[in-house]
C-alpha atoms as a PDB file:
ATOM      1  CA  MET A   1      26.773 -59.258 123.218  1.00  0.00           C
ATOM      2  CA  ALA A   2      24.692 -56.275 123.082  1.00  0.00           C
ATOM      3  CA  THR A   3      23.428 -56.827 126.409  1.00  0.00           C
ATOM      4  CA  THR A   4      26.636 -56.935 128.086  1.00  0.00           C
ATOM      5  CA  ILE A   5      27.440 -53.574 126.419  1.00  0.00           C
ATOM      6  CA  VAL A   6      24.340 -52.217 127.850  1.00  0.00           C
ATOM      7  CA  TRP A   7      24.944 -53.504 131.274  1.00  0.00           C
ATOM      8  CA  ALA A   8      28.693 -52.004 131.371  1.00  0.00           C
ATOM      9  CA  ILE A   9      27.545 -48.570 130.016  1.00  0.00           C
ATOM     10  CA  LEU A  10      24.689 -48.831 132.685  1.00  0.00           C
ATOM     11  CA  ALA A  11      27.417 -49.695 135.303  1.00  0.00           C
ATOM     12  CA  LEU A  12      29.547 -46.775 134.000  1.00  0.00           C
ATOM     13  CA  LEU A  13      26.524 -44.499 134.717  1.00  0.00           C
ATOM     14  CA  VAL A  14      25.777 -45.496 137.933  1.00  0.00           C
ATOM     15  CA  GLY A  15      29.198 -45.437 139.253  1.00  0.00           C
ATOM     16  CA  LEU A  16      29.963 -42.067 138.093  1.00  0.00           C
ATOM     17  CA  LEU A  17      26.624 -40.719 139.677  1.00  0.00           C
ATOM     18  CA  VAL A  18      27.362 -42.729 142.976  1.00  0.00           C
ATOM     19  CA  GLY A  19      30.995 -41.271 142.958  1.00  0.00           C
ATOM     20  CA  PHE A  20      29.824 -37.697 142.230  1.00  0.00           C
ATOM     21  CA  PHE A  21      27.333 -37.614 144.894  1.00  0.00           C
ATOM     22  CA  GLY A  22      29.783 -39.254 147.482  1.00  0.00           C
ATOM     23  CA  ALA A  23      32.668 -36.829 146.694  1.00  0.00           C
ATOM     24  CA  ARG A  24      30.259 -34.056 146.807  1.00  0.00           C
ATOM     25  CA  LYS A  25      29.009 -35.224 150.422  1.00  0.00           C
ATOM     26  CA  TYR A  26      32.481 -35.950 151.675  1.00  0.00           C
ATOM     27  CA  MET A  27      33.792 -32.107 150.452  1.00  0.00           C
ATOM     28  CA  GLU A  28      31.047 -30.617 152.435  1.00  0.00           C
ATOM     29  CA  ASN A  29      31.447 -32.323 155.668  1.00  0.00           C
ATOM     30  CA  TYR A  30      35.136 -31.399 155.237  1.00  0.00           C
ATOM     31  CA  LEU A  31      34.722 -28.012 154.734  1.00  0.00           C
ATOM     32  CA  ARG A  32      31.875 -27.908 157.323  1.00  0.00           C
ATOM     33  CA  ASN A  33      34.322 -29.437 159.956  1.00  0.00           C
ATOM     34  CA  ASN A  34      37.502 -27.516 158.447  1.00  0.00           C
ATOM     35  CA  PRO A  35      36.296 -23.953 157.464  1.00  0.00           C
ATOM     36  CA  PRO A  36      38.771 -22.400 155.366  1.00  0.00           C
ATOM     37  CA  ILE A  37      39.019 -19.347 157.127  1.00  0.00           C
ATOM     38  CA  SER A  38      39.940 -19.339 160.942  1.00  0.00           C
ATOM     39  CA  GLU A  39      40.002 -16.438 163.456  1.00  0.00           C
ATOM     40  CA  GLU A  40      43.479 -16.703 163.257  1.00  0.00           C
ATOM     41  CA  MET A  41      43.682 -16.102 159.995  1.00  0.00           C
ATOM     42  CA  LEU A  42      41.283 -13.191 160.144  1.00  0.00           C
ATOM     43  CA  ARG A  43      43.599 -11.376 162.736  1.00  0.00           C
ATOM     44  CA  THR A  44      46.873 -12.129 160.472  1.00  0.00           C
ATOM     45  CA  MET A  45      45.077 -10.531 157.419  1.00  0.00           C
ATOM     46  CA  MET A  46      43.813  -7.728 159.637  1.00  0.00           C
ATOM     47  CA  LEU A  47      47.262  -6.889 160.701  1.00  0.00           C
ATOM     48  CA  GLN A  48      48.652  -6.996 157.167  1.00  0.00           C
ATOM     49  CA  MET A  49      46.206  -4.772 156.374  1.00  0.00           C
ATOM     50  CA  GLY A  50      46.994  -2.109 159.147  1.00  0.00           C
ATOM     51  CA  GLN A  51      44.170  -2.800 161.377  1.00  0.00           C
ATOM     52  CA  LYS A  52      44.162  -3.746 164.940  1.00  0.00           C
ATOM     53  CA  PRO A  53      41.871  -6.413 165.514  1.00  0.00           C
ATOM     54  CA  SER A  54      39.825  -6.646 168.717  1.00  0.00           C
ATOM     55  CA  SER A  55      38.418 -10.229 169.739  1.00  0.00           C
ATOM     56  CA  ARG A  56      34.964  -8.538 169.569  1.00  0.00           C
ATOM     57  CA  LYS A  57      35.308  -7.675 165.883  1.00  0.00           C
ATOM     58  CA  LEU A  58      36.924 -11.026 164.848  1.00  0.00           C
ATOM     59  CA  HIS A  59      33.896 -12.720 166.682  1.00  0.00           C
ATOM     60  CA  GLN A  60      31.508 -10.455 164.528  1.00  0.00           C
ATOM     61  CA  MET A  61      33.176 -11.208 161.264  1.00  0.00           C
ATOM     62  CA  MET A  62      33.061 -14.813 162.002  1.00  0.00           C
ATOM     63  CA  GLN A  63      29.709 -14.856 162.642  1.00  0.00           C
ATOM     64  CA  SER A  64      28.789 -13.253 159.509  1.00  0.00           C
ATOM     65  CA  MET A  65      30.661 -14.983 157.508  1.00  0.00           C
ATOM     66  CA  LYS A  66      29.244 -18.226 159.060  1.00  0.00           C
ATOM     67  CA  ALA A  67      25.673 -16.346 158.410  1.00  0.00           C
ATOM     68  CA  GLN A  68      26.413 -15.861 154.747  1.00  0.00           C
ATOM     69  CA  ALA A  69      27.606 -19.453 154.371  1.00  0.00           C
ATOM     70  CA  LYS A  70      24.396 -21.078 155.687  1.00  0.00           C
ATOM     71  CA  LYS A  71      22.356 -18.430 153.669  1.00  0.00           C
ATOM     72  CA  ALA A  72      24.357 -19.786 150.672  1.00  0.00           C
ATOM     73  CA  ASN A  73      23.719 -23.447 151.529  1.00  0.00           C
ATOM     74  CA  THR A  74      20.000 -23.166 151.928  1.00  0.00           C
ATOM     75  CA  LYS A  75      19.496 -21.562 148.082  1.00  0.00           C
END
């Protein structure tokens, strides 16, 4: 009886760990493939702020955001 409880607790802990790391990996891949901000979203935000977005400026902003995300992931 005591060994059954130990095995159940052990199985629960292993399941939680596998679930946590599996979900974490899935979300990292999802966010890498579907970034939360796109160039079109940046263009819309800049227009709402009264700025005229040029394609060069949008591209620079996207590159700097990718560099910051990469820098944050390496820490």
